[in-house]
Amino acid sequence: MTDFSDHNRVIRFDWAIKSLLRDKANFDVLEGFLCALLEDENIKVLNILESEGNQKQEDDKFNRVDLMVEDSHKRKIIIEIQNTRERDYLERLLFGTSKVIVDNLRLGEDFKNISKVISISILYFNFGTGDDYLYKGTTQFIGMNTGNPLKIKEKIEVMDGLESKYKFVDKDIFPEYYFIQIYKFQDIIKRYIDEWIYMIKNEQVRDDFKSKNIDKAKEKLSYIHMNKSEKADYERYIVNLVRERDMITTAKEDGEKIGIEKGEKIGIEKGEKIGIEKGEKIGIEKGEKIGIEKGEKIGIEKGLKTVASQMLKKGQSIDKISEFTGLAIEEIKKLN
């Protein structure tokens, strides 16, 4: 169990998303995290939206916790914590963002009202091959001949005091994806988001951290500030999380053991088959060789006996025939 005696210690971020951060009074913690990641100091969280992670049953899966919010730019932001590897993870992310887009556009509504979706994945496993812990994925249109991006503008209305004005900005409607790989983070602070990743990984907020609202996270996510009921719920969640992780590890080890046993069995069977085939091949080759040698020997003997018979018919002496053919005298006598 984690030691929470240190005043800098905070609860796990997935539990915070599952419970505390759904309270509007704690939106400032979410805002601080999003401001650091998206590098925009003006993000305001307006609402918690319906998502799979909003359902708080005791038998919920602990593999994944998610939260979807709407910000002041009307963007839909999905924050998801994935504790274990998932085979079709990218496919599910694509499905999830696409579903949010479709679900938030009423039938017959203009396409211009499509919501921008941002998907943030906090991963407690190494995903893919790369040398970074923080990745951003976007959609761009690149010239196939020039290699330059296609720039598409849209006109928006802005207020200048009491006066309404228009300006052109880059059109930005496609989903964005952020991957934060917790175990690849080396606890080196280079930018504000690193302070939040450090907090998520180590369950601790250092005194020297300066990111917007991270002091609020230190205060509101502190274990020692939780009441007795909240502590009991949190500790039960941690125990269940460890138990599920152990079940997954055990299943993996059992699968590996079965795979090794099956592999050994198949290897032995294949080895026996190959051995039999090689044995048959060698046997045939040796048989052919012996057959040829014996055949040659028998053929030579028959030929010599034929010569000996002809010499006998011509009246040659047995001694002379034996000397000429190499046949034994007794064998020559049998030819008469």
Protein backbone atom coordinates (compact mmCIF):
# COMPACT_ATOMS: atom_id res chain seq x y z
CA MET A 1 0.00 0.00 0.00
CA THR A 2 1.27 3.50 -0.83
CA ASP A 3 2.68 5.49 2.10
CA PHE A 4 0.69 8.72 2.41
CA SER A 5 2.53 10.17 5.40
CA ASP A 6 4.27 12.76 3.17
CA HIS A 7 2.27 16.01 2.92
CA ASN A 8 3.16 16.15 -0.80
CA ARG A 9 1.46 12.83 -1.53
CA VAL A 10 -1.69 12.71 -3.66
CA ILE A 11 -4.11 9.97 -4.70
CA ARG A 12 -3.93 8.14 -8.02
CA PHE A 13 -5.11 10.26 -10.95
CA ASP A 14 -7.45 7.55 -12.24
CA TRP A 15 -9.30 7.56 -8.90
CA ALA A 16 -9.42 11.36 -9.01
CA ILE A 17 -11.00 11.20 -12.48
CA LYS A 18 -13.40 8.52 -11.28
CA SER A 19 -14.54 10.55 -8.29
CA LEU A 20 -13.25 13.96 -7.15
CA LEU A 21 -12.70 15.64 -10.51
CA ARG A 22 -16.34 15.17 -11.51
CA ASP A 23 -17.23 17.79 -8.92
CA LYS A 24 -17.46 21.28 -10.42
CA ALA A 25 -15.57 22.62 -7.42
CA ASN A 26 -12.53 20.68 -8.64
CA PHE A 27 -12.64 21.70 -12.31
CA ASP A 28 -9.63 23.94 -11.66
CA VAL A 29 -7.47 20.80 -11.34
CA LEU A 30 -8.64 19.56 -14.75
CA GLU A 31 -8.09 23.03 -16.20
CA GLY A 32 -4.52 23.12 -14.91
CA PHE A 33 -3.73 19.74 -16.47
CA LEU A 34 -5.31 20.71 -19.82
CA CYS A 35 -3.63 24.14 -19.89
CA ALA A 36 -0.23 22.49 -19.43
CA LEU A 37 -0.79 19.76 -22.03
CA LEU A 38 -2.46 21.90 -24.71
CA GLU A 39 -0.20 24.88 -23.91
CA ASP A 40 -3.16 27.25 -23.59
CA GLU A 41 -3.57 29.21 -20.35
CA ASN A 42 -7.19 30.16 -21.11
CA ILE A 43 -8.92 26.77 -21.02
CA LYS A 44 -12.12 26.66 -18.97
CA VAL A 45 -13.99 23.42 -18.25
CA LEU A 46 -17.74 24.00 -18.50
CA ASN A 47 -19.35 20.59 -18.09
CA ILE A 48 -18.79 16.90 -17.47
CA LEU A 49 -20.35 15.00 -20.38
CA GLU A 50 -21.70 11.47 -20.48
CA SER A 51 -19.07 8.79 -21.14
CA GLU A 52 -18.43 5.14 -20.29
CA GLY A 53 -16.40 6.21 -17.28
CA ASN A 54 -19.28 8.17 -15.77
CA GLN A 55 -20.98 4.95 -14.73
CA LYS A 56 -19.89 4.25 -11.14
CA GLN A 57 -20.79 0.66 -10.36
CA GLU A 58 -18.84 -1.48 -7.92
CA ASP A 59 -18.17 -4.07 -10.63
CA ASP A 60 -16.67 -1.56 -13.06
CA LYS A 61 -13.58 -2.70 -14.92
CA PHE A 62 -10.38 -1.21 -13.49
CA ASN A 63 -8.49 -1.53 -16.77
CA ARG A 64 -9.75 1.84 -18.02
CA VAL A 65 -11.13 5.03 -16.50
CA ASP A 66 -12.29 7.91 -18.66
CA LEU A 67 -13.85 11.34 -18.36
CA MET A 68 -15.25 13.63 -21.07
CA VAL A 69 -15.57 17.38 -20.60
CA GLU A 70 -16.65 20.35 -22.68
CA ASP A 71 -14.49 23.46 -22.56
CA SER A 72 -15.16 27.13 -23.29
CA HIS A 73 -14.19 26.58 -26.95
CA LYS A 74 -17.00 23.98 -27.20
CA ARG A 75 -14.42 21.25 -27.66
CA LYS A 76 -15.10 17.75 -26.38
CA ILE A 77 -12.06 16.52 -24.45
CA ILE A 78 -11.73 12.85 -23.50
CA ILE A 79 -9.24 12.06 -20.73
CA GLU A 80 -8.62 8.33 -20.47
CA ILE A 81 -6.34 6.32 -18.21
CA GLN A 82 -5.47 2.84 -19.50
CA ASN A 83 -3.84 0.56 -16.94
CA THR A 84 -3.13 -2.48 -19.16
CA ARG A 85 -2.38 -3.24 -22.77
CA GLU A 86 -5.26 -3.60 -25.22
CA ARG A 87 -4.87 -5.35 -28.59
CA ASP A 88 -7.07 -3.03 -30.68
CA TYR A 89 -6.36 0.15 -28.73
CA LEU A 90 -5.95 2.49 -31.70
CA GLU A 91 -9.09 1.15 -33.35
CA ARG A 92 -11.09 1.77 -30.18
CA LEU A 93 -9.73 5.32 -29.89
CA LEU A 94 -10.76 6.04 -33.47
CA PHE A 95 -14.21 4.60 -32.83
CA GLY A 96 -14.54 6.61 -29.62
CA THR A 97 -13.69 9.98 -31.16
CA SER A 98 -15.88 9.29 -34.19
CA LYS A 99 -18.80 8.36 -31.93
CA VAL A 100 -18.44 11.57 -29.94
CA ILE A 101 -18.58 13.60 -33.16
CA VAL A 102 -21.69 11.80 -34.40
CA ASP A 103 -23.46 11.76 -31.02
CA ASN A 104 -23.03 15.52 -30.59
CA LEU A 105 -24.50 16.51 -33.96
CA ARG A 106 -28.27 16.33 -34.09
CA LEU A 107 -29.96 14.90 -37.18
CA GLY A 108 -30.43 17.69 -39.71
CA GLU A 109 -28.01 20.05 -37.94
CA ASP A 110 -25.46 21.93 -40.05
CA PHE A 111 -22.04 20.29 -40.36
CA LYS A 112 -20.46 23.58 -39.29
CA ASN A 113 -21.59 22.71 -35.76
CA ILE A 114 -19.41 19.58 -35.59
CA SER A 115 -17.44 19.54 -32.36
CA LYS A 116 -13.67 19.42 -32.21
CA VAL A 117 -12.63 16.32 -30.24
CA ILE A 118 -9.39 15.94 -28.29
CA SER A 119 -8.47 12.48 -27.01
CA ILE A 120 -5.90 12.26 -24.20
CA SER A 121 -4.57 8.81 -23.28
CA ILE A 122 -2.58 8.32 -20.08
CA LEU A 123 -0.97 4.90 -20.53
CA TYR A 124 0.51 2.68 -17.82
CA PHE A 125 2.23 0.49 -20.42
CA ASN A 126 4.68 1.03 -23.28
CA PHE A 127 2.84 1.57 -26.53
CA GLY A 128 4.52 1.13 -29.91
CA THR A 129 8.17 1.89 -30.62
CA GLY A 130 9.50 5.37 -29.97
CA ASP A 131 11.95 7.43 -27.92
CA ASP A 132 9.51 9.86 -26.26
CA TYR A 133 6.93 9.71 -23.49
CA LEU A 134 4.60 12.37 -24.92
CA TYR A 135 3.08 12.18 -28.41
CA LYS A 136 0.58 14.30 -30.35
CA GLY A 137 -1.32 13.05 -33.40
CA THR A 138 -3.16 15.32 -35.86
CA THR A 139 -4.57 15.24 -39.37
CA GLN A 140 -2.75 17.27 -42.03
CA PHE A 141 -3.02 17.55 -45.80
CA ILE A 142 0.47 17.54 -47.30
CA GLY A 143 1.33 18.34 -50.92
CA MET A 144 2.51 15.14 -52.61
CA ASN A 145 4.86 17.11 -54.87
CA THR A 146 5.95 20.01 -52.67
CA GLY A 147 5.68 18.45 -49.23
CA ASN A 148 4.01 21.63 -47.96
CA PRO A 149 0.82 21.58 -45.86
CA LEU A 150 -2.50 22.76 -47.26
CA LYS A 151 -3.76 25.78 -45.28
CA ILE A 152 -7.52 26.16 -44.91
CA LYS A 153 -8.95 29.27 -43.27
CA GLU A 154 -12.32 30.11 -41.77
CA LYS A 155 -13.89 33.44 -40.85
CA ILE A 156 -14.85 33.88 -37.21
CA GLU A 157 -16.49 36.70 -35.32
CA VAL A 158 -14.60 38.35 -32.46
CA MET A 159 -15.54 41.17 -30.14
CA ASP A 160 -13.32 44.24 -29.93
CA GLY A 161 -14.82 46.01 -26.98
CA LEU A 162 -18.45 46.53 -27.97
CA GLU A 163 -17.67 46.24 -31.66
CA SER A 164 -18.04 42.98 -33.58
CA LYS A 165 -15.23 42.15 -36.01
CA TYR A 166 -14.23 39.23 -38.20
CA LYS A 167 -10.88 37.58 -38.70
CA PHE A 168 -9.54 34.54 -40.55
CA VAL A 169 -7.98 31.69 -38.60
CA ASP A 170 -6.75 28.20 -39.50
CA LYS A 171 -9.64 25.75 -39.72
CA ASP A 172 -9.14 23.18 -36.97
CA ILE A 173 -11.85 20.51 -36.87
CA PHE A 174 -10.13 17.12 -36.99
CA PRO A 175 -9.58 15.11 -33.79
CA GLU A 176 -6.29 15.40 -31.94
CA TYR A 177 -4.72 12.52 -30.03
CA TYR A 178 -2.28 12.76 -27.14
CA PHE A 179 -0.41 9.76 -25.72
CA ILE A 180 1.29 10.09 -22.33
CA GLN A 181 3.41 7.00 -21.60
CA ILE A 182 3.92 7.08 -17.85
CA TYR A 183 6.68 4.46 -17.59
CA LYS A 184 8.83 6.17 -20.23
CA PHE A 185 8.88 9.44 -18.29
CA GLN A 186 12.26 9.82 -16.58
CA ASP A 187 11.16 12.37 -13.90
CA ILE A 188 12.99 15.18 -15.70
CA ILE A 189 11.02 18.46 -15.70
CA LYS A 190 11.40 20.50 -18.90
CA ARG A 191 7.91 21.96 -19.38
CA TYR A 192 4.76 22.48 -17.36
CA ILE A 193 3.07 19.26 -18.47
CA ASP A 194 6.07 17.35 -17.07
CA GLU A 195 5.05 18.46 -13.57
CA TRP A 196 1.62 16.87 -14.05
CA ILE A 197 3.09 13.68 -15.52
CA TYR A 198 5.46 13.53 -12.54
CA MET A 199 2.47 13.85 -10.21
CA ILE A 200 0.54 11.11 -12.04
CA LYS A 201 3.52 8.73 -12.06
CA ASN A 202 4.82 9.32 -8.53
CA GLU A 203 1.59 10.37 -6.76
CA GLN A 204 3.44 13.40 -5.46
CA VAL A 205 3.55 17.17 -6.07
CA ARG A 206 6.96 18.69 -5.40
CA ASP A 207 7.21 22.04 -3.62
CA ASP A 208 9.08 23.61 -6.55
CA PHE A 209 6.32 22.96 -9.13
CA LYS A 210 4.89 26.10 -10.75
CA SER A 211 2.39 24.87 -13.35
CA LYS A 212 -1.02 26.57 -13.28
CA ASN A 213 -3.31 25.07 -10.59
CA ILE A 214 -0.95 22.24 -9.68
CA ASP A 215 -1.05 23.65 -6.16
CA LYS A 216 -4.82 23.05 -6.31
CA ALA A 217 -4.14 19.43 -7.28
CA LYS A 218 -1.77 19.07 -4.33
CA GLU A 219 -4.47 20.38 -1.99
CA LYS A 220 -7.60 18.71 -3.41
CA LEU A 221 -6.09 15.33 -4.30
CA SER A 222 -4.30 14.96 -0.97
CA TYR A 223 -5.00 11.65 0.76
CA ILE A 224 -4.71 13.13 4.24
CA HIS A 225 -7.52 15.60 3.45
CA MET A 226 -9.98 12.81 2.57
CA ASN A 227 -12.67 11.85 5.07
CA LYS A 228 -13.00 8.33 6.47
CA SER A 229 -15.56 7.19 3.87
CA GLU A 230 -13.50 8.57 0.95
CA LYS A 231 -10.37 6.85 2.25
CA ALA A 232 -12.22 3.53 2.54
CA ASP A 233 -13.53 3.81 -1.05
CA TYR A 234 -10.08 4.74 -2.33
CA GLU A 235 -8.29 1.92 -0.54
CA ARG A 236 -10.87 -0.57 -1.82
CA TYR A 237 -10.26 0.73 -5.34
CA ILE A 238 -6.49 0.28 -4.97
CA VAL A 239 -6.91 -3.27 -3.64
CA ASN A 240 -9.22 -4.16 -6.54
CA LEU A 241 -6.82 -2.57 -9.01
CA VAL A 242 -3.92 -4.64 -7.68
CA ARG A 243 -6.08 -7.79 -7.69
CA GLU A 244 -7.13 -7.28 -11.30
CA ARG A 245 -3.56 -6.55 -12.35
CA ASP A 246 -2.47 -9.78 -10.64
CA MET A 247 -5.23 -11.73 -12.43
CA ILE A 248 -4.06 -10.36 -15.79
CA THR A 249 -0.43 -11.23 -14.96
CA THR A 250 -1.44 -14.74 -13.87
CA ALA A 251 -3.47 -15.28 -17.03
CA LYS A 252 -0.51 -14.12 -19.10
CA GLU A 253 1.88 -16.47 -17.28
CA ASP A 254 -0.56 -19.38 -17.66
CA GLY A 255 -0.89 -18.61 -21.34
CA GLU A 256 2.89 -18.53 -21.75
CA LYS A 257 3.19 -21.86 -19.90
CA ILE A 258 0.55 -23.50 -22.10
CA GLY A 259 2.25 -22.04 -25.16
CA ILE A 260 5.62 -23.47 -24.12
CA GLU A 261 4.11 -26.90 -23.44
CA LYS A 262 2.29 -26.93 -26.77
CA GLY A 263 5.43 -25.71 -28.50
CA GLU A 264 7.48 -28.51 -26.96
CA LYS A 265 4.89 -31.11 -27.95
CA ILE A 266 4.69 -29.84 -31.51
CA GLY A 267 8.49 -29.66 -31.65
CA ILE A 268 8.85 -33.27 -30.51
CA GLU A 269 6.20 -34.47 -32.97
CA LYS A 270 7.81 -32.56 -35.82
CA GLY A 271 11.23 -33.81 -34.76
CA GLU A 272 10.01 -37.42 -34.77
CA LYS A 273 8.41 -36.95 -38.17
CA ILE A 274 11.53 -35.37 -39.62
CA GLY A 275 13.64 -38.12 -38.02
CA ILE A 276 11.47 -40.85 -39.57
CA GLU A 277 11.56 -39.15 -42.97
CA LYS A 278 15.32 -38.74 -42.80
CA GLY A 279 15.68 -42.33 -41.61
CA GLU A 280 13.58 -43.59 -44.50
CA LYS A 281 15.58 -41.50 -46.93
CA ILE A 282 18.89 -42.74 -45.56
CA GLY A 283 17.56 -46.33 -45.56
CA ILE A 284 16.49 -46.07 -49.19
CA GLU A 285 19.82 -44.56 -50.20
CA LYS A 286 21.76 -47.25 -48.35
CA GLY A 287 19.47 -49.97 -49.75
CA GLU A 288 20.00 -48.72 -53.27
CA LYS A 289 23.74 -48.62 -52.75
CA ILE A 290 23.86 -52.16 -51.32
CA GLY A 291 21.51 -53.40 -54.06
CA ILE A 292 23.69 -51.95 -56.77
CA GLU A 293 26.81 -53.41 -55.22
CA LYS A 294 25.19 -56.84 -54.82
CA GLY A 295 23.72 -56.67 -58.30
CA GLU A 296 27.07 -55.82 -59.79
CA LYS A 297 28.68 -58.68 -57.91
CA ILE A 298 26.02 -61.20 -59.01
CA GLY A 299 26.23 -59.94 -62.58
CA ILE A 300 29.99 -60.35 -62.67
CA GLU A 301 29.76 -63.87 -61.26
CA LYS A 302 27.16 -64.86 -63.86
CA GLY A 303 29.29 -63.43 -66.63
CA LEU A 304 32.37 -65.34 -65.48
CA LYS A 305 30.38 -68.56 -65.28
CA THR A 306 29.14 -68.03 -68.83
CA VAL A 307 32.73 -67.57 -70.03
CA ALA A 308 33.81 -70.68 -68.11
CA SER A 309 31.02 -72.75 -69.73
CA GLN A 310 32.07 -71.66 -73.20
CA MET A 311 35.74 -72.53 -72.46
CA LEU A 312 34.67 -75.99 -71.24
CA LYS A 313 32.78 -76.56 -74.47
CA LYS A 314 35.91 -75.68 -76.39
CA GLY A 315 37.88 -78.30 -74.44
CA GLN A 316 39.92 -76.00 -72.24
CA SER A 317 41.29 -77.54 -69.03
CA ILE A 318 39.59 -76.75 -65.72
CA ASP A 319 42.83 -75.44 -64.24
CA LYS A 320 43.28 -73.01 -67.12
CA ILE A 321 39.64 -71.85 -66.88
CA SER A 322 40.03 -71.30 -63.11
CA GLU A 323 43.17 -69.29 -63.68
CA PHE A 324 41.47 -67.20 -66.38
CA THR A 325 38.11 -66.49 -64.66
CA GLY A 326 39.15 -66.65 -61.04
CA LEU A 327 36.38 -69.15 -60.34
CA ALA A 328 36.99 -72.01 -57.94
CA ILE A 329 37.65 -75.43 -59.53
CA GLU A 330 34.61 -76.89 -57.71
CA GLU A 331 32.36 -74.18 -59.21
CA ILE A 332 33.70 -74.91 -62.71
CA LYS A 333 33.09 -78.66 -62.28
CA LYS A 334 29.43 -77.90 -61.46
CA LEU A 335 29.06 -76.23 -64.86
CA ASN A 336 29.60 -79.53 -66.71
